[in-house]
C-alpha cells in the first residue's frame, strides 16, 4: 500500500487509456474534496463538470478505500438534506522532518493536516550522525505510542536547506562540513521501508501553505522564509515551481544596495544581512544575548527597541525584494513566514508597507504566512501526503531528489 501511495501521481492524459482517465477523474474529485470540504456530491459535480452518476461511482470508491468520509447532512435547504464529504483524517499519515542550522523539528501529520505529534530540538549545527539518531528516535516514538497508523504511513518527507554544510555563516563549526558528503536520502531509506521525499525547506513551506494554508485563497504566491538563513519558495497556478536547477525562490542571492554610505555604493546579497542569525548578532553587539526565536519575545524595553531598529532597517530591503518579485514573477501575494515569531513578523510587515506604495495595483499583496514556525516540517509531511491524495502539488522528483550542490556551477 505504501509504495503505491507514494508513487501515485496525477497522470498525463496524452494518449491515455480508460484506466488512466479513470485515475485522473478520481484525482480530480479527491482534490476537489480536499480543497472545498465539506462538500456535497452535487457540488462536486458542478465544480468538476462530471456527471452525477460518474461522481457517485468515484465517491463510492473513495469511501470504500477510506480516503474520504461522510461528515454530516446539511440542513436548511429544500428537499433531502445533502450529505457532505470530507477527507478522512485517518486515511493516511506522514512524517515531516525539518533540519536547519539551528533546529530539528519532526512532525506526525494526518490527512487533513492535523499535527498528531511533534518532536523539536532547539540546537545549532546538528551533525549528520546526531540528526539520524534523533530522527530514528522520533519515528520510533510515534510508532510505539501509536500516534500514527504505520500501515497507513504514506511516507517520510525531509525539508532541508540546499548547501547545508557549504554556505559560510556566523558561528558555523568546521565539522559542519560533514553534511556535504552525507547521503541523507540513503540514510533515511535505511531507517524505513516507507517512501522518502526530499525538498528544499522554503519550497516545502510554500507547499504547506498551498495545501493547508493560504493556498485556499491564492494559487500563485512567493513565500519568504526568515530562518537561520533566508529562503524563498514559489508557487505558480497551484504548483510548486523549482526552476531548471531547482534554485527558484533563492531570495538570499538577491543583490541589495546599502544606502547607509552613499559614497561607498556598496551592494550586498540579502542573505548576507538578513536572517535570524544576523538579528541575534546585531543584538549581541548591543549587549543583548539571544540564541533562540522565543528569546525575542521575552526582551526588556531596550531589547525590544533594538529589535524594532533592526526590523526597520531590514524592512527597506524587504520592500525592494517585494517590488522585484512583483515585477518579475507577478504573483497574487507575497507571504512572509519562517521561524521569526508571529508578533515580530507582523511588526516587520508594518514597516515594509511603509516603503510600498499602497496605490500601486501592480504590487502583490503582502501577508504573514499562516502556518508559523513549523511550516517547513509541515511541508515535509505534505510531500508524501500530496502523493497519497493525488493533489496537484505532488511531485515525482521529490522521490529521487537529494539536497542540491550547485555552488560549483554557480561559481563557474
Protein backbone atom coordinates (compact mmCIF):
# COMPACT_ATOMS: atom_id res chain seq x y z
CA UNK A 1 0.00 0.00 0.00
CA UNK A 2 2.71 2.46 0.99
CA UNK A 3 4.70 2.16 -2.22
CA UNK A 4 1.53 2.61 -4.27
CA UNK A 5 0.51 5.69 -2.32
CA UNK A 6 3.97 7.19 -2.53
CA UNK A 7 4.32 6.70 -6.25
CA UNK A 8 0.81 7.51 -7.47
CA UNK A 9 0.67 10.92 -9.10
CA UNK A 10 -1.85 12.57 -11.39
CA UNK A 11 -1.18 11.11 -14.84
CA UNK A 12 -0.55 12.91 -18.10
CA UNK A 13 -3.60 12.01 -20.18
CA UNK A 14 -1.93 12.37 -23.58
CA UNK A 15 -2.79 9.11 -25.31
CA UNK A 16 -4.24 7.80 -22.06
CA UNK A 17 -6.28 4.63 -21.84
CA UNK A 18 -9.56 4.24 -19.95
CA UNK A 19 -7.79 3.19 -16.75
CA UNK A 20 -5.56 6.28 -16.77
CA UNK A 21 -8.56 8.50 -17.43
CA UNK A 22 -10.35 6.88 -14.51
CA UNK A 23 -7.39 7.59 -12.22
CA UNK A 24 -7.32 11.17 -13.43
CA UNK A 25 -11.03 11.64 -12.71
CA UNK A 26 -10.56 10.09 -9.29
CA UNK A 27 -7.72 12.51 -8.57
CA UNK A 28 -9.83 15.49 -9.69
CA UNK A 29 -12.64 14.52 -7.31
CA UNK A 30 -10.25 13.86 -4.44
CA UNK A 31 -8.57 17.25 -4.93
CA UNK A 32 -11.97 18.94 -5.02
CA UNK A 33 -12.95 17.36 -1.71
CA UNK A 34 -9.57 18.23 -0.17
CA UNK A 35 -9.84 21.88 -1.18
CA UNK A 36 -13.58 22.51 -0.76
CA UNK A 37 -14.65 20.21 2.11
CA UNK A 38 -17.23 19.88 3.46
CA UNK A 39 -18.83 19.47 0.06
CA UNK A 40 -21.79 17.54 -1.35
CA UNK A 41 -21.81 15.20 -4.32
CA UNK A 42 -23.91 17.68 -6.30
CA UNK A 43 -21.41 20.47 -5.62
CA UNK A 44 -18.53 18.25 -6.72
CA UNK A 45 -20.37 17.57 -9.98
CA UNK A 46 -20.86 21.30 -10.55
CA UNK A 47 -17.24 22.15 -9.81
CA UNK A 48 -15.68 19.33 -11.83
CA UNK A 49 -18.15 19.14 -14.73
CA UNK A 50 -18.51 15.38 -14.27
CA UNK A 51 -21.92 13.76 -14.45
CA UNK A 52 -23.73 12.86 -11.25
CA UNK A 53 -23.53 9.12 -11.98
CA UNK A 54 -19.76 9.44 -12.52
CA UNK A 55 -19.41 11.34 -9.24
CA UNK A 56 -21.47 8.69 -7.46
CA UNK A 57 -19.16 5.91 -8.72
CA UNK A 58 -15.96 7.77 -7.83
CA UNK A 59 -17.21 8.83 -4.39
CA UNK A 60 -18.32 5.28 -3.57
CA UNK A 61 -14.86 4.03 -4.47
CA UNK A 62 -13.16 6.67 -2.32
CA UNK A 63 -15.47 5.83 0.58
CA UNK A 64 -14.68 2.12 0.21
CA UNK A 65 -10.97 2.92 0.25
CA UNK A 66 -11.35 5.00 3.40
CA UNK A 67 -9.85 8.10 1.81
CA UNK A 68 -12.98 10.19 2.40
CA UNK A 69 -15.87 10.11 4.87
CA UNK A 70 -19.46 11.26 5.04
CA UNK A 71 -19.28 14.04 7.60
CA UNK A 72 -22.86 15.22 8.17
CA UNK A 73 -26.09 16.20 6.48
CA UNK A 74 -26.56 19.83 5.51
CA UNK A 75 -29.95 21.09 6.70
CA UNK A 76 -31.84 24.28 5.91
CA UNK A 77 -32.28 23.65 2.19
CA UNK A 78 -35.25 22.31 0.28
CA UNK A 79 -35.59 18.61 -0.31
CA UNK A 80 -33.49 15.80 1.13
CA UNK A 81 -30.56 17.17 3.17
CA UNK A 82 -27.30 16.80 1.26
CA UNK A 83 -24.61 14.55 2.73
CA UNK A 84 -21.31 16.40 2.95
CA UNK A 85 -18.00 14.74 2.22
CA UNK A 86 -14.58 15.34 3.77
CA UNK A 87 -11.13 13.80 3.66
CA UNK A 88 -10.87 11.10 6.31
CA UNK A 89 -8.20 12.28 8.79
CA UNK A 90 -7.13 8.66 9.32
CA UNK A 91 -6.93 7.91 5.60
CA UNK A 92 -3.16 8.24 5.68
CA UNK A 93 -0.37 9.74 7.72
CA UNK A 94 3.00 11.31 7.01
CA UNK A 95 6.12 12.19 8.96
CA UNK A 96 7.69 15.56 8.20
CA UNK A 97 11.28 16.37 9.15
CA UNK A 98 12.90 19.82 9.02
CA UNK A 99 16.62 20.14 9.71
CA UNK A 100 18.31 23.54 9.66
CA UNK A 101 21.38 25.20 11.14
CA UNK A 102 19.57 25.94 14.41
CA UNK A 103 16.97 23.22 14.98
CA UNK A 104 15.42 19.88 14.14
CA UNK A 105 11.64 19.51 14.05
CA UNK A 106 9.79 16.25 13.36
CA UNK A 107 6.00 16.09 12.95
CA UNK A 108 3.47 13.28 12.61
CA UNK A 109 0.61 14.61 10.49
CA UNK A 110 -2.74 13.17 9.44
CA UNK A 111 -4.53 13.51 6.10
CA UNK A 112 -6.25 16.81 6.92
CA UNK A 113 -3.09 18.47 8.23
CA UNK A 114 -3.59 17.92 11.95
CA UNK A 115 -0.31 17.53 13.82
CA UNK A 116 -0.66 14.33 15.83
CA UNK A 117 2.78 14.57 17.43
CA UNK A 118 5.79 16.92 17.48
CA UNK A 119 9.41 16.42 18.47
CA UNK A 120 11.58 19.54 18.49
CA UNK A 121 15.25 20.09 19.24
CA UNK A 122 16.39 23.70 19.53
CA UNK A 123 20.09 23.15 18.85
CA UNK A 124 22.59 24.69 16.47
CA UNK A 125 24.62 22.84 13.86
CA UNK A 126 23.39 19.31 14.46
CA UNK A 127 25.72 16.91 12.68
CA UNK A 128 24.53 14.06 10.43
CA UNK A 129 25.02 11.22 12.94
CA UNK A 130 23.06 13.02 15.64
CA UNK A 131 20.38 14.04 13.14
CA UNK A 132 19.92 10.42 12.12
CA UNK A 133 19.73 9.21 15.72
CA UNK A 134 17.23 11.89 16.78
CA UNK A 135 15.11 11.18 13.72
CA UNK A 136 15.12 7.44 14.35
CA UNK A 137 14.15 8.05 17.99
CA UNK A 138 11.24 10.31 16.96
CA UNK A 139 9.89 7.84 14.37
CA UNK A 140 10.16 5.02 16.90
CA UNK A 141 8.31 7.15 19.46
CA UNK A 142 5.49 7.87 17.02
CA UNK A 143 5.17 4.17 16.21
CA UNK A 144 5.38 2.85 19.79
CA UNK A 145 2.88 5.42 21.05
CA UNK A 146 0.53 4.58 18.18
CA UNK A 147 0.25 8.26 17.35
CA UNK A 148 0.06 7.23 13.71
CA UNK A 149 -1.02 4.05 11.93
CA UNK A 150 2.17 2.68 10.41
CA UNK A 151 0.19 0.65 7.88
CA UNK A 152 -1.24 3.92 6.56
CA UNK A 153 2.02 5.87 6.57
CA UNK A 154 2.28 7.44 3.11
CA UNK A 155 5.94 8.28 3.54
CA UNK A 156 8.57 10.39 5.25
CA UNK A 157 9.37 13.87 4.00
CA UNK A 158 12.54 15.85 4.64
CA UNK A 159 12.81 19.61 4.24
CA UNK A 160 16.33 20.99 4.48
CA UNK A 161 18.35 23.89 3.09
CA UNK A 162 20.42 23.31 -0.01
CA UNK A 163 24.18 23.51 0.62
CA UNK A 164 23.56 22.84 4.32
CA UNK A 165 27.24 22.40 5.14
CA UNK A 166 28.67 24.62 2.40
CA UNK A 167 27.46 28.17 2.91
CA UNK A 168 29.60 30.20 5.29
CA UNK A 169 27.63 31.77 8.12
CA UNK A 170 28.03 33.10 11.64
CA UNK A 171 29.23 30.53 14.15
CA UNK A 172 29.43 27.57 11.77
CA UNK A 173 31.92 24.98 13.09
CA UNK A 174 34.38 23.30 10.75
CA UNK A 175 32.79 19.92 11.48
CA UNK A 176 29.55 21.09 9.85
CA UNK A 177 31.20 20.33 6.50
CA UNK A 178 30.23 16.70 7.17
CA UNK A 179 26.84 17.46 5.59
CA UNK A 180 28.47 17.98 2.18
CA UNK A 181 29.45 14.29 1.91
CA UNK A 182 26.49 12.79 3.80
CA UNK A 183 23.97 10.87 1.69
CA UNK A 184 20.88 11.86 3.64
CA UNK A 185 18.49 10.08 1.28
CA UNK A 186 20.26 6.75 1.61
CA UNK A 187 20.45 7.19 5.38
CA UNK A 188 16.72 7.82 5.70
CA UNK A 189 15.83 4.99 3.32
CA UNK A 190 17.83 2.66 5.56
CA UNK A 191 15.68 3.79 8.51
CA UNK A 192 12.32 2.94 6.98
CA UNK A 193 10.58 0.85 4.37
CA UNK A 194 8.32 3.80 3.53
CA UNK A 195 8.94 6.20 0.62
CA UNK A 196 11.28 9.14 1.31
CA UNK A 197 10.60 12.58 -0.19
CA UNK A 198 13.13 15.44 -0.08
CA UNK A 199 12.73 19.13 -0.88
CA UNK A 200 14.34 22.47 -0.12
CA UNK A 201 12.91 23.78 3.17
CA UNK A 202 11.50 27.05 1.81
CA UNK A 203 9.89 25.25 -1.13
CA UNK A 204 8.40 22.79 1.36
CA UNK A 205 6.98 25.63 3.46
CA UNK A 206 5.40 27.09 0.33
CA UNK A 207 3.80 23.72 -0.46
CA UNK A 208 2.44 23.54 3.08
CA UNK A 209 0.82 26.95 2.59
CA UNK A 210 -0.56 25.79 -0.75
CA UNK A 211 -2.24 22.64 0.55
CA UNK A 212 -3.06 23.51 4.17
CA UNK A 213 -2.77 27.30 4.47
CA UNK A 214 -3.35 30.39 2.39
CA UNK A 215 -3.31 28.36 -0.81
CA UNK A 216 -7.08 28.13 -0.39
CA UNK A 217 -7.20 31.85 -1.23
CA UNK A 218 -4.26 32.25 -3.60
CA UNK A 219 -2.90 29.84 -6.20
CA UNK A 220 0.19 31.92 -7.10
CA UNK A 221 2.41 33.32 -4.38
CA UNK A 222 6.00 33.80 -3.30
CA UNK A 223 6.98 32.56 0.17
CA UNK A 224 9.79 34.32 2.06
CA UNK A 225 11.20 32.28 4.94
CA UNK A 226 13.06 34.10 7.73
CA UNK A 227 15.20 31.37 9.27
CA UNK A 228 18.84 30.93 10.23
CA UNK A 229 19.37 31.88 6.58
CA UNK A 230 16.67 33.47 4.40
CA UNK A 231 14.92 31.37 1.81
CA UNK A 232 12.11 31.57 -0.70
CA UNK A 233 9.62 29.32 -2.41
CA UNK A 234 7.49 29.97 -5.48
CA UNK A 235 4.01 28.62 -6.24
CA UNK A 236 2.50 29.31 -9.67
CA UNK A 237 -1.04 28.31 -10.64
CA UNK A 238 -1.29 25.87 -7.77
CA UNK A 239 2.04 24.12 -8.39
CA UNK A 240 5.40 24.47 -6.73
CA UNK A 241 7.93 25.91 -9.20
CA UNK A 242 11.53 24.90 -8.57
CA UNK A 243 13.15 26.17 -11.76
CA UNK A 244 15.57 24.48 -14.15
CA UNK A 245 18.26 23.97 -11.48
CA UNK A 246 15.94 23.88 -8.50
CA UNK A 247 17.03 27.39 -7.50
CA UNK A 248 13.73 29.21 -7.98
CA UNK A 249 12.98 31.35 -4.93
CA UNK A 250 16.57 31.61 -3.65
CA UNK A 251 15.97 35.12 -2.37
CA UNK A 252 19.18 35.14 -0.35
CA UNK A 253 21.09 35.80 -3.58
CA UNK A 254 19.15 39.00 -4.30
CA UNK A 255 21.57 41.98 -4.54
CA UNK A 256 20.72 44.83 -2.18
CA UNK A 257 22.20 48.33 -2.28
CA UNK A 258 23.45 49.52 1.11
CA UNK A 259 22.35 53.16 1.27
CA UNK A 260 23.87 53.87 4.66
CA UNK A 261 27.03 55.14 2.96
CA UNK A 262 26.19 56.99 -0.25
CA UNK A 263 29.86 57.32 -1.21
CA UNK A 264 30.56 53.60 -0.93
CA UNK A 265 27.81 52.46 -3.32
CA UNK A 266 28.07 49.08 -1.66
CA UNK A 267 25.97 46.18 -2.89
CA UNK A 268 25.40 43.12 -0.72
CA UNK A 269 23.39 39.93 -1.02
CA UNK A 270 20.21 39.89 1.03
CA UNK A 271 21.36 36.66 2.64
CA UNK A 272 24.46 38.44 3.94
CA UNK A 273 22.49 40.91 6.05
CA UNK A 274 19.02 39.47 6.69
CA UNK A 275 18.34 36.36 8.79
CA UNK A 276 17.66 35.27 12.35
CA UNK A 277 21.40 34.81 12.90
CA UNK A 278 22.09 38.39 11.79
CA UNK A 279 19.40 39.65 14.15
CA UNK A 280 20.99 37.72 17.02
CA UNK A 281 24.39 39.15 16.08
CA UNK A 282 23.01 42.70 15.95
CA UNK A 283 21.55 42.30 19.42
CA UNK A 284 24.78 40.78 20.78
CA UNK A 285 26.79 43.74 19.51
CA UNK A 286 24.48 45.91 21.62
CA UNK A 287 24.81 43.79 24.75
CA UNK A 288 21.65 41.69 24.38
CA UNK A 289 22.09 37.92 24.29
CA UNK A 290 19.55 35.98 22.25
CA UNK A 291 20.05 32.44 20.96
CA UNK A 292 16.59 31.10 20.04
CA UNK A 293 13.50 32.71 18.47
CA UNK A 294 11.48 32.51 21.71
CA UNK A 295 14.04 34.74 23.45
CA UNK A 296 12.89 37.59 21.20
CA UNK A 297 9.52 37.57 22.97
CA UNK A 298 10.99 37.96 26.46
CA UNK A 299 13.20 41.02 25.91
CA UNK A 300 13.01 44.12 28.08
CA UNK A 301 12.11 47.53 26.66
CA UNK A 302 15.66 48.22 25.48
CA UNK A 303 15.87 44.87 23.74
CA UNK A 304 12.54 45.42 22.02
CA UNK A 305 13.71 48.84 20.80
CA UNK A 306 16.80 47.25 19.30
CA UNK A 307 14.70 44.59 17.55
CA UNK A 308 12.47 47.33 16.13
CA UNK A 309 15.53 49.25 14.95
CA UNK A 310 16.82 46.20 13.09
CA UNK A 311 13.39 45.43 11.63
CA UNK A 312 13.01 48.98 10.33
CA UNK A 313 16.39 48.79 8.61
CA UNK A 314 15.64 45.39 7.08
CA UNK A 315 12.14 46.42 6.01
CA UNK A 316 13.57 48.73 3.34
CA UNK A 317 15.49 45.81 1.82
CA UNK A 318 12.49 43.50 2.04
CA UNK A 319 10.33 46.11 0.31
CA UNK A 320 12.82 46.15 -2.58
CA UNK A 321 12.56 42.36 -2.76
CA UNK A 322 8.76 42.52 -2.85
CA UNK A 323 8.89 45.04 -5.71
CA UNK A 324 11.31 42.87 -7.70
CA UNK A 325 9.21 39.77 -7.09
CA UNK A 326 6.12 41.65 -8.21
CA UNK A 327 7.75 42.81 -11.43
CA UNK A 328 9.42 39.53 -12.39
CA UNK A 329 7.00 36.87 -11.15
CA UNK A 330 3.73 38.79 -10.74
CA UNK A 331 2.19 36.55 -8.05
CA UNK A 332 -1.09 37.21 -6.27
CA UNK A 333 0.70 37.58 -2.95
CA UNK A 334 3.98 37.52 -1.07
CA UNK A 335 3.87 35.56 2.19
CA UNK A 336 6.41 36.12 4.95
CA UNK A 337 6.98 33.34 7.47
CA UNK A 338 9.67 31.11 8.88
CA UNK A 339 10.96 30.93 12.43
CA UNK A 340 10.69 34.61 13.29
CA UNK A 341 7.90 34.83 15.93
CA UNK A 342 4.49 35.84 14.60
CA UNK A 343 4.34 39.08 16.57
CA UNK A 344 7.68 40.19 15.18
CA UNK A 345 6.72 39.21 11.62
CA UNK A 346 3.67 41.45 11.97
CA UNK A 347 5.85 44.34 13.14
CA UNK A 348 8.23 43.80 10.22
CA UNK A 349 5.36 43.82 7.72
CA UNK A 350 4.06 47.12 9.10
CA UNK A 351 7.43 48.68 8.34
CA UNK A 352 7.62 47.06 4.90
CA UNK A 353 4.23 48.53 4.00
CA UNK A 354 5.62 52.00 4.78
CA UNK A 355 8.08 51.55 1.90
CA UNK A 356 5.44 50.33 -0.55
CA UNK A 357 3.01 52.49 -2.48
CA UNK A 358 -0.47 51.49 -1.33
CA UNK A 359 -1.86 52.87 -4.59
CA UNK A 360 0.37 50.68 -6.77
CA UNK A 361 -2.01 47.99 -8.01
CA UNK A 362 0.86 46.17 -9.73
CA UNK A 363 2.37 45.11 -6.42
CA UNK A 364 1.41 41.73 -4.94
CA UNK A 365 -0.42 41.82 -1.62
CA UNK A 366 1.83 41.20 1.39
CA UNK A 367 0.78 38.86 4.20
CA UNK A 368 2.11 36.96 7.15
CA UNK A 369 2.19 33.22 6.34
CA UNK A 370 -0.43 31.20 8.18
CA UNK A 371 1.48 28.12 9.36
CA UNK A 372 4.12 29.61 11.68
CA UNK A 373 7.47 28.22 12.68
CA UNK A 374 6.71 24.59 11.76
CA UNK A 375 5.82 25.41 8.15
CA UNK A 376 8.84 23.62 6.69
CA UNK A 377 8.26 20.49 8.77
CA UNK A 378 4.61 20.58 7.74
CA UNK A 379 5.73 20.99 4.14
CA UNK A 380 7.93 17.95 4.51
CA UNK A 381 4.87 15.95 5.59
CA UNK A 382 2.80 17.46 2.76
CA UNK A 383 5.01 15.80 0.13
CA UNK A 384 4.04 12.16 0.86
CA UNK A 385 0.50 13.30 1.71
CA UNK A 386 0.11 15.01 -1.66
CA UNK A 387 1.23 11.83 -3.40
CA UNK A 388 -1.19 9.71 -1.39
CA UNK A 389 -4.13 12.05 -2.01
CA UNK A 390 -3.10 12.77 -5.62
CA UNK A 391 -3.01 16.53 -5.04
CA UNK A 392 -1.77 18.89 -7.73
CA UNK A 393 1.31 19.70 -5.65
CA UNK A 394 2.57 16.08 -5.84
CA UNK A 395 5.99 15.95 -7.49
CA UNK A 396 7.66 12.69 -8.51
CA UNK A 397 11.10 14.36 -8.39
CA UNK A 398 10.88 14.52 -4.60
CA UNK A 399 11.25 10.72 -4.55
CA UNK A 400 14.72 10.89 -6.08
CA UNK A 401 15.98 14.38 -5.30
CA UNK A 402 18.80 14.94 -2.82
CA UNK A 403 19.90 18.33 -1.49
CA UNK A 404 21.46 20.34 -4.29
CA UNK A 405 25.16 21.00 -4.56
CA UNK A 406 25.13 23.73 -7.16
CA UNK A 407 27.69 26.04 -5.61
CA UNK A 408 30.37 24.96 -8.08
CA UNK A 409 28.03 25.52 -11.04
CA UNK A 410 27.13 28.98 -9.77
CA UNK A 411 30.77 29.95 -9.46
CA UNK A 412 31.83 28.61 -12.88
